[in-house]
């Protein structure tokens, strides 16, 4: 029906869904903020806004996917371009200027992952545990996800690869 409900810890308003929010196609929960993708390609955010992460940048439209991370939000637009905003201490919101043809985005703790149409990924942001360093020889990928300090991918052959922090 396109409405949103939220529950759990609400210490920074991340569960206070705006009244009248309808026509929602997708949602994403960050650490202390929440985001909704509307059917018209715009987004609505609520909760913690310390870094501007729950405010949509002016003029942002044609969004087809969103992901809320640690203090930031990443949006995928029609045509395969990416926009990120909010926390940027490690460059995690600094989208590479040459990044195009993206099909999926994922906002991790302090790094961001983008899966491209050709099955390759691009990572940027913190690399304290090697989470942004893409290993050679992965082959074609069909899914990618940024964890707090690690990256996880699904290869075309059905196997999984992971790298980054493996301590916890």
C-alpha atoms as a PDB file:
ATOM      1  CA  UNK A   1       0.000   0.000   0.000  1.00  0.00           C
ATOM      2  CA  UNK A   2       3.055   2.294   0.007  1.00  0.00           C
ATOM      3  CA  UNK A   3       3.081   3.281   3.681  1.00  0.00           C
ATOM      4  CA  UNK A   4       5.880   2.838   6.221  1.00  0.00           C
ATOM      5  CA  UNK A   5       5.981   1.616   9.811  1.00  0.00           C
ATOM      6  CA  UNK A   6       9.059   1.623  12.035  1.00  0.00           C
ATOM      7  CA  UNK A   7       9.842   0.247  15.476  1.00  0.00           C
ATOM      8  CA  UNK A   8      12.774  -0.323  17.802  1.00  0.00           C
ATOM      9  CA  UNK A   9      15.182   2.126  19.353  1.00  0.00           C
ATOM     10  CA  UNK A  10      14.069   5.662  18.596  1.00  0.00           C
ATOM     11  CA  UNK A  11      16.717   7.685  20.444  1.00  0.00           C
ATOM     12  CA  UNK A  12      17.197  10.072  17.500  1.00  0.00           C
ATOM     13  CA  UNK A  13      13.796   9.957  15.819  1.00  0.00           C
ATOM     14  CA  UNK A  14      14.672   7.225  13.322  1.00  0.00           C
ATOM     15  CA  UNK A  15      11.319   5.521  13.984  1.00  0.00           C
ATOM     16  CA  UNK A  16       9.213   8.715  13.770  1.00  0.00           C
ATOM     17  CA  UNK A  17       7.831   8.148  10.267  1.00  0.00           C
ATOM     18  CA  UNK A  18       6.541  11.470   8.900  1.00  0.00           C
ATOM     19  CA  UNK A  19       2.745  11.707   8.963  1.00  0.00           C
ATOM     20  CA  UNK A  20       1.115  11.371   5.574  1.00  0.00           C
ATOM     21  CA  UNK A  21       4.079   9.577   3.987  1.00  0.00           C
ATOM     22  CA  UNK A  22       2.626   7.521   1.105  1.00  0.00           C
ATOM     23  CA  UNK A  23       3.623   6.137  -2.293  1.00  0.00           C
ATOM     24  CA  UNK A  24       6.788   4.623  -0.832  1.00  0.00           C
ATOM     25  CA  UNK A  25       8.545   2.034  -2.996  1.00  0.00           C
ATOM     26  CA  UNK A  26      11.571   1.254  -0.826  1.00  0.00           C
ATOM     27  CA  UNK A  27      13.106   2.090   2.545  1.00  0.00           C
ATOM     28  CA  UNK A  28      16.548   1.983   4.129  1.00  0.00           C
ATOM     29  CA  UNK A  29      17.612   2.224   7.771  1.00  0.00           C
ATOM     30  CA  UNK A  30      20.907   3.898   8.656  1.00  0.00           C
ATOM     31  CA  UNK A  31      22.462   3.944  12.082  1.00  0.00           C
ATOM     32  CA  UNK A  32      20.212   6.723  13.447  1.00  0.00           C
ATOM     33  CA  UNK A  33      18.257   7.891  10.397  1.00  0.00           C
ATOM     34  CA  UNK A  34      15.758   6.386   7.967  1.00  0.00           C
ATOM     35  CA  UNK A  35      15.089   7.049   4.290  1.00  0.00           C
ATOM     36  CA  UNK A  36      12.141   6.355   1.977  1.00  0.00           C
ATOM     37  CA  UNK A  37      12.183   6.236  -1.822  1.00  0.00           C
ATOM     38  CA  UNK A  38       8.920   7.500  -3.282  1.00  0.00           C
ATOM     39  CA  UNK A  39       7.270   6.306  -6.489  1.00  0.00           C
ATOM     40  CA  UNK A  40       7.991   9.670  -8.134  1.00  0.00           C
ATOM     41  CA  UNK A  41      11.782   9.178  -7.767  1.00  0.00           C
ATOM     42  CA  UNK A  42      12.262  11.535  -4.823  1.00  0.00           C
ATOM     43  CA  UNK A  43      13.273  10.659  -1.274  1.00  0.00           C
ATOM     44  CA  UNK A  44      12.205  11.563   2.247  1.00  0.00           C
ATOM     45  CA  UNK A  45      14.367  11.158   5.336  1.00  0.00           C
ATOM     46  CA  UNK A  46      13.932  11.468   9.090  1.00  0.00           C
ATOM     47  CA  UNK A  47      15.874  10.930  12.293  1.00  0.00           C
ATOM     48  CA  UNK A  48      19.395  12.129  13.047  1.00  0.00           C
ATOM     49  CA  UNK A  49      20.586  14.805  10.656  1.00  0.00           C
ATOM     50  CA  UNK A  50      23.957  15.707  12.219  1.00  0.00           C
ATOM     51  CA  UNK A  51      25.723  15.453   8.846  1.00  0.00           C
ATOM     52  CA  UNK A  52      22.743  16.346   6.640  1.00  0.00           C
ATOM     53  CA  UNK A  53      22.225  12.641   5.884  1.00  0.00           C
ATOM     54  CA  UNK A  54      18.444  12.658   6.243  1.00  0.00           C
ATOM     55  CA  UNK A  55      17.893  15.724   4.046  1.00  0.00           C
ATOM     56  CA  UNK A  56      17.567  15.160   0.311  1.00  0.00           C
ATOM     57  CA  UNK A  57      19.934  17.377  -1.691  1.00  0.00           C
ATOM     58  CA  UNK A  58      18.122  20.142  -3.567  1.00  0.00           C
ATOM     59  CA  UNK A  59      16.922  19.019  -6.975  1.00  0.00           C
ATOM     60  CA  UNK A  60      17.584  15.308  -6.413  1.00  0.00           C
ATOM     61  CA  UNK A  61      15.126  13.329  -8.531  1.00  0.00           C
ATOM     62  CA  UNK A  62      14.949  10.253 -10.748  1.00  0.00           C
ATOM     63  CA  UNK A  63      16.183   8.109  -7.851  1.00  0.00           C
ATOM     64  CA  UNK A  64      15.711   4.350  -8.305  1.00  0.00           C
ATOM     65  CA  UNK A  65      17.522   3.012  -5.204  1.00  0.00           C
ATOM     66  CA  UNK A  66      18.743   4.294  -1.839  1.00  0.00           C
ATOM     67  CA  UNK A  67      20.894   3.049   1.007  1.00  0.00           C
ATOM     68  CA  UNK A  68      21.361   4.691   4.385  1.00  0.00           C
ATOM     69  CA  UNK A  69      24.705   4.129   6.071  1.00  0.00           C
ATOM     70  CA  UNK A  70      26.596   5.435   9.069  1.00  0.00           C
ATOM     71  CA  UNK A  71      25.802   9.152   8.998  1.00  0.00           C
ATOM     72  CA  UNK A  72      25.183   9.324   5.259  1.00  0.00           C
ATOM     73  CA  UNK A  73      22.875   8.324   2.433  1.00  0.00           C
ATOM     74  CA  UNK A  74      23.638   7.090  -1.082  1.00  0.00           C
ATOM     75  CA  UNK A  75      21.193   7.297  -3.996  1.00  0.00           C
ATOM     76  CA  UNK A  76      21.267   5.621  -7.396  1.00  0.00           C
ATOM     77  CA  UNK A  77      19.663   7.650 -10.175  1.00  0.00           C
ATOM     78  CA  UNK A  78      18.156   6.540 -13.475  1.00  0.00           C
ATOM     79  CA  UNK A  79      20.979   6.321 -15.966  1.00  0.00           C
ATOM     80  CA  UNK A  80      23.377   4.745 -13.466  1.00  0.00           C
ATOM     81  CA  UNK A  81      24.798   7.785 -11.686  1.00  0.00           C
ATOM     82  CA  UNK A  82      25.308   7.992  -7.918  1.00  0.00           C
ATOM     83  CA  UNK A  83      24.802  10.804  -5.419  1.00  0.00           C
ATOM     84  CA  UNK A  84      25.982  10.598  -1.791  1.00  0.00           C
ATOM     85  CA  UNK A  85      25.683  13.075   1.053  1.00  0.00           C
ATOM     86  CA  UNK A  86      26.197  13.342   4.787  1.00  0.00           C
ATOM     87  CA  UNK A  87      29.226  12.194   6.765  1.00  0.00           C
ATOM     88  CA  UNK A  88      32.392  12.355   4.667  1.00  0.00           C
ATOM     89  CA  UNK A  89      35.279  12.022   7.114  1.00  0.00           C
ATOM     90  CA  UNK A  90      36.918   9.188   5.127  1.00  0.00           C
ATOM     91  CA  UNK A  91      35.685  10.208   1.673  1.00  0.00           C
ATOM     92  CA  UNK A  92      32.739   7.823   1.952  1.00  0.00           C
ATOM     93  CA  UNK A  93      30.396  10.425   0.411  1.00  0.00           C
ATOM     94  CA  UNK A  94      32.851  11.565  -2.275  1.00  0.00           C
ATOM     95  CA  UNK A  95      31.552   9.690  -5.311  1.00  0.00           C
ATOM     96  CA  UNK A  96      34.319   9.119  -7.894  1.00  0.00           C
ATOM     97  CA  UNK A  97      33.754  11.580 -10.746  1.00  0.00           C
ATOM     98  CA  UNK A  98      34.140   8.888 -13.417  1.00  0.00           C
ATOM     99  CA  UNK A  99      31.622   6.479 -11.870  1.00  0.00           C
ATOM    100  CA  UNK A 100      28.882   5.536 -14.361  1.00  0.00           C
ATOM    101  CA  UNK A 101      26.665   2.591 -15.313  1.00  0.00           C
ATOM    102  CA  UNK A 102      25.868   1.644 -11.706  1.00  0.00           C
ATOM    103  CA  UNK A 103      23.103  -0.856 -10.912  1.00  0.00           C
ATOM    104  CA  UNK A 104      23.384  -1.132  -7.106  1.00  0.00           C
ATOM    105  CA  UNK A 105      24.749   1.016  -4.272  1.00  0.00           C
ATOM    106  CA  UNK A 106      25.522   0.130  -0.666  1.00  0.00           C
ATOM    107  CA  UNK A 107      26.558   2.408   2.192  1.00  0.00           C
ATOM    108  CA  UNK A 108      28.686   0.638   4.795  1.00  0.00           C
ATOM    109  CA  UNK A 109      30.127   1.990   8.009  1.00  0.00           C
ATOM    110  CA  UNK A 110      32.782   4.241   6.503  1.00  0.00           C
ATOM    111  CA  UNK A 111      32.960   3.084   2.888  1.00  0.00           C
ATOM    112  CA  UNK A 112      30.603   2.839  -0.079  1.00  0.00           C
ATOM    113  CA  UNK A 113      30.239   0.156  -2.756  1.00  0.00           C
ATOM    114  CA  UNK A 114      28.778   0.494  -6.254  1.00  0.00           C
ATOM    115  CA  UNK A 115      28.089  -2.473  -8.553  1.00  0.00           C
ATOM    116  CA  UNK A 116      28.400  -1.596 -12.247  1.00  0.00           C
ATOM    117  CA  UNK A 117      26.501  -3.026 -15.228  1.00  0.00           C
ATOM    118  CA  UNK A 118      29.608  -4.900 -16.385  1.00  0.00           C
ATOM    119  CA  UNK A 119      29.748  -6.848 -13.097  1.00  0.00           C
ATOM    120  CA  UNK A 120      32.645  -4.919 -11.576  1.00  0.00           C
ATOM    121  CA  UNK A 121      32.554  -2.915  -8.354  1.00  0.00           C
ATOM    122  CA  UNK A 122      33.945   0.386  -7.242  1.00  0.00           C
ATOM    123  CA  UNK A 123      34.624   1.025  -3.540  1.00  0.00           C
ATOM    124  CA  UNK A 124      35.557   4.315  -1.904  1.00  0.00           C
ATOM    125  CA  UNK A 125      35.972   5.717   1.594  1.00  0.00           C
ATOM    126  CA  UNK A 126      37.807   4.195   4.540  1.00  0.00           C
ATOM    127  CA  UNK A 127      40.237   1.390   3.829  1.00  0.00           C
ATOM    128  CA  UNK A 128      41.511   0.789   7.387  1.00  0.00           C
ATOM    129  CA  UNK A 129      40.843  -2.952   7.046  1.00  0.00           C
ATOM    130  CA  UNK A 130      41.191  -3.289   3.278  1.00  0.00           C
ATOM    131  CA  UNK A 131      37.414  -3.039   2.798  1.00  0.00           C
ATOM    132  CA  UNK A 132      37.762  -0.600  -0.107  1.00  0.00           C
ATOM    133  CA  UNK A 133      40.575  -2.446  -1.875  1.00  0.00           C
ATOM    134  CA  UNK A 134      38.934  -4.672  -4.506  1.00  0.00           C
ATOM    135  CA  UNK A 135      40.798  -7.980  -4.844  1.00  0.00           C
ATOM    136  CA  UNK A 136      41.998  -8.977  -8.327  1.00  0.00           C
ATOM    137  CA  UNK A 137      40.430 -11.901 -10.146  1.00  0.00           C
ATOM    138  CA  UNK A 138      36.885 -11.683  -8.767  1.00  0.00           C
ATOM    139  CA  UNK A 139      35.282 -12.145 -12.172  1.00  0.00           C
ATOM    140  CA  UNK A 140      31.781 -10.908 -12.902  1.00  0.00           C
ATOM    141  CA  UNK A 141      29.735  -9.969  -9.832  1.00  0.00           C
ATOM    142  CA  UNK A 142      25.954  -9.995  -9.520  1.00  0.00           C
ATOM    143  CA  UNK A 143      25.557  -8.483  -6.029  1.00  0.00           C
ATOM    144  CA  UNK A 144      27.643  -6.364  -3.679  1.00  0.00           C
ATOM    145  CA  UNK A 145      27.116  -5.121  -0.145  1.00  0.00           C
ATOM    146  CA  UNK A 146      29.138  -2.858   2.140  1.00  0.00           C
ATOM    147  CA  UNK A 147      29.243  -3.932   5.778  1.00  0.00           C
ATOM    148  CA  UNK A 148      30.471  -1.819   8.659  1.00  0.00           C
ATOM    149  CA  UNK A 149      34.164  -2.491   7.889  1.00  0.00           C
ATOM    150  CA  UNK A 150      33.986  -5.210   5.237  1.00  0.00           C
ATOM    151  CA  UNK A 151      32.687  -5.837   1.704  1.00  0.00           C
ATOM    152  CA  UNK A 152      30.733  -8.866   0.539  1.00  0.00           C
ATOM    153  CA  UNK A 153      30.075  -9.863  -3.090  1.00  0.00           C
ATOM    154  CA  UNK A 154      28.193 -12.594  -4.911  1.00  0.00           C
ATOM    155  CA  UNK A 155      29.986 -13.829  -8.003  1.00  0.00           C
ATOM    156  CA  UNK A 156      28.293 -14.907 -11.217  1.00  0.00           C
ATOM    157  CA  UNK A 157      29.378 -18.514 -10.528  1.00  0.00           C
ATOM    158  CA  UNK A 158      27.361 -18.534  -7.273  1.00  0.00           C
ATOM    159  CA  UNK A 159      30.288 -18.228  -4.871  1.00  0.00           C
ATOM    160  CA  UNK A 160      30.779 -15.480  -2.318  1.00  0.00           C
ATOM    161  CA  UNK A 161      33.866 -13.402  -1.575  1.00  0.00           C
ATOM    162  CA  UNK A 162      34.434 -11.132   1.412  1.00  0.00           C
ATOM    163  CA  UNK A 163      37.273  -8.887   2.552  1.00  0.00           C
ATOM    164  CA  UNK A 164      37.936  -6.285   5.189  1.00  0.00           C
ATOM    165  CA  UNK A 165      37.633  -6.515   8.973  1.00  0.00           C
ATOM    166  CA  UNK A 166      37.302 -10.145  10.054  1.00  0.00           C
ATOM    167  CA  UNK A 167      38.016  -9.545  13.729  1.00  0.00           C
ATOM    168  CA  UNK A 168      34.467  -9.351  15.112  1.00  0.00           C
END
